């Protein structure tokens, strides 16, 4: 069953999809939007180099990310769950929630 998702969440997922379109990766075009209190704090897409995952690029060390929500999407709308390293970076940054498409192509909300 699909997670209850608000208009605001759909809007941020759409923004993440536009961000994914900027990715230079040939296969995994990911986009991320980090929000807090309804305002965008950061956006990022992945690059072609190893270690340039969008999630880790969006979590900026100089910014307070505590309590933020992260929207993650893949350009082709496949499963966009973060990899284990990115999940760890999100947890360490204090992200409270991630919203992404799961393996069943449904929007999934996960509290960290």
Protein backbone atom coordinates (compact mmCIF):
# COMPACT_ATOMS: atom_id res chain seq x y z
CA UNK A 1 0.00 0.00 0.00
CA UNK A 2 1.29 3.46 -0.91
CA UNK A 3 2.29 5.77 1.92
CA UNK A 4 0.02 8.73 2.63
CA UNK A 5 1.67 11.59 0.84
CA UNK A 6 0.77 15.28 0.86
CA UNK A 7 0.66 17.77 -1.98
CA UNK A 8 3.80 19.36 -0.51
CA UNK A 9 5.60 15.99 -0.58
CA UNK A 10 4.59 15.45 -4.23
CA UNK A 11 5.86 18.92 -5.07
CA UNK A 12 9.26 18.19 -3.50
CA UNK A 13 9.44 14.82 -5.29
CA UNK A 14 8.77 16.64 -8.58
CA UNK A 15 11.58 19.07 -7.71
CA UNK A 16 13.88 16.10 -7.02
CA UNK A 17 12.94 14.64 -10.43
CA UNK A 18 13.92 17.92 -12.13
CA UNK A 19 17.18 17.83 -10.20
CA UNK A 20 17.79 14.23 -11.35
CA UNK A 21 17.54 15.42 -14.96
CA UNK A 22 20.76 17.40 -14.35
CA UNK A 23 22.73 14.27 -13.43
CA UNK A 24 25.64 13.33 -15.65
CA UNK A 25 25.55 9.66 -14.67
CA UNK A 26 24.69 7.47 -17.70
CA UNK A 27 22.55 4.94 -15.78
CA UNK A 28 21.61 6.14 -12.30
CA UNK A 29 20.28 9.68 -12.61
CA UNK A 30 19.33 10.53 -9.02
CA UNK A 31 17.96 13.77 -7.61
CA UNK A 32 17.67 14.82 -3.97
CA UNK A 33 15.89 17.68 -2.24
CA UNK A 34 16.49 18.41 1.47
CA UNK A 35 13.76 20.38 3.25
CA UNK A 36 13.02 21.72 6.68
CA UNK A 37 9.80 23.40 7.73
CA UNK A 38 8.57 23.44 4.13
CA UNK A 39 11.64 25.28 2.83
CA UNK A 40 14.32 23.83 0.56
CA UNK A 41 17.73 23.73 2.25
CA UNK A 42 19.71 21.84 -0.39
CA UNK A 43 19.45 20.00 -3.71
CA UNK A 44 21.87 17.69 -5.50
CA UNK A 45 22.16 15.15 -8.28
CA UNK A 46 24.71 12.40 -8.65
CA UNK A 47 27.71 12.68 -10.94
CA UNK A 48 29.69 10.14 -12.96
CA UNK A 49 32.54 9.87 -10.48
CA UNK A 50 32.56 7.24 -7.75
CA UNK A 51 31.46 8.57 -4.41
CA UNK A 52 29.38 11.39 -5.81
CA UNK A 53 26.00 10.03 -4.72
CA UNK A 54 23.29 12.68 -4.68
CA UNK A 55 22.32 11.98 -1.07
CA UNK A 56 25.83 12.59 0.24
CA UNK A 57 26.26 15.67 -1.96
CA UNK A 58 22.99 17.17 -0.66
CA UNK A 59 23.91 16.79 3.02
CA UNK A 60 26.18 19.77 3.50
CA UNK A 61 28.45 19.63 6.55
CA UNK A 62 28.30 23.38 7.17
CA UNK A 63 24.49 23.40 7.30
CA UNK A 64 22.27 22.26 10.16
CA UNK A 65 20.49 19.20 8.75
CA UNK A 66 18.99 18.07 12.07
CA UNK A 67 15.30 17.22 11.62
CA UNK A 68 15.24 17.66 7.84
CA UNK A 69 13.26 15.59 5.35
CA UNK A 70 15.01 14.22 2.26
CA UNK A 71 13.22 13.46 -1.02
CA UNK A 72 15.08 11.01 -3.27
CA UNK A 73 14.07 10.09 -6.80
CA UNK A 74 15.59 8.33 -9.78
CA UNK A 75 14.94 9.83 -13.24
CA UNK A 76 13.36 6.61 -14.54
CA UNK A 77 11.26 6.27 -11.34
CA UNK A 78 12.83 2.95 -10.38
CA UNK A 79 13.50 2.15 -6.75
CA UNK A 80 15.32 5.15 -5.32
CA UNK A 81 16.06 3.95 -1.80
CA UNK A 82 19.44 5.18 -0.59
CA UNK A 83 22.38 2.81 -0.61
CA UNK A 84 23.78 1.75 2.81
CA UNK A 85 26.56 4.37 2.73
CA UNK A 86 24.14 7.17 1.86
CA UNK A 87 21.65 5.98 4.49
CA UNK A 88 24.43 6.15 7.07
CA UNK A 89 25.38 9.68 5.96
CA UNK A 90 21.74 10.78 6.26
CA UNK A 91 21.43 9.32 9.75
CA UNK A 92 24.71 10.93 10.86
CA UNK A 93 23.52 14.30 9.53
CA UNK A 94 20.38 14.08 11.69
CA UNK A 95 17.87 13.63 8.87
CA UNK A 96 14.52 12.64 10.39
CA UNK A 97 12.67 11.27 7.34
CA UNK A 98 13.32 10.11 3.78
CA UNK A 99 10.70 9.84 1.05
CA UNK A 100 11.43 7.82 -2.08
CA UNK A 101 9.99 5.29 -4.56
CA UNK A 102 10.31 1.72 -3.26
CA UNK A 103 10.91 -1.49 -5.24
CA UNK A 104 7.14 -1.74 -5.90
CA UNK A 105 7.14 1.71 -7.56
CA UNK A 106 5.21 3.22 -4.66
CA UNK A 107 6.06 6.30 -2.67
CA UNK A 108 7.58 5.27 0.64
CA UNK A 109 8.11 7.38 3.76
CA UNK A 110 10.73 6.16 6.22
CA UNK A 111 11.53 7.74 9.56
CA UNK A 112 15.21 7.49 10.49
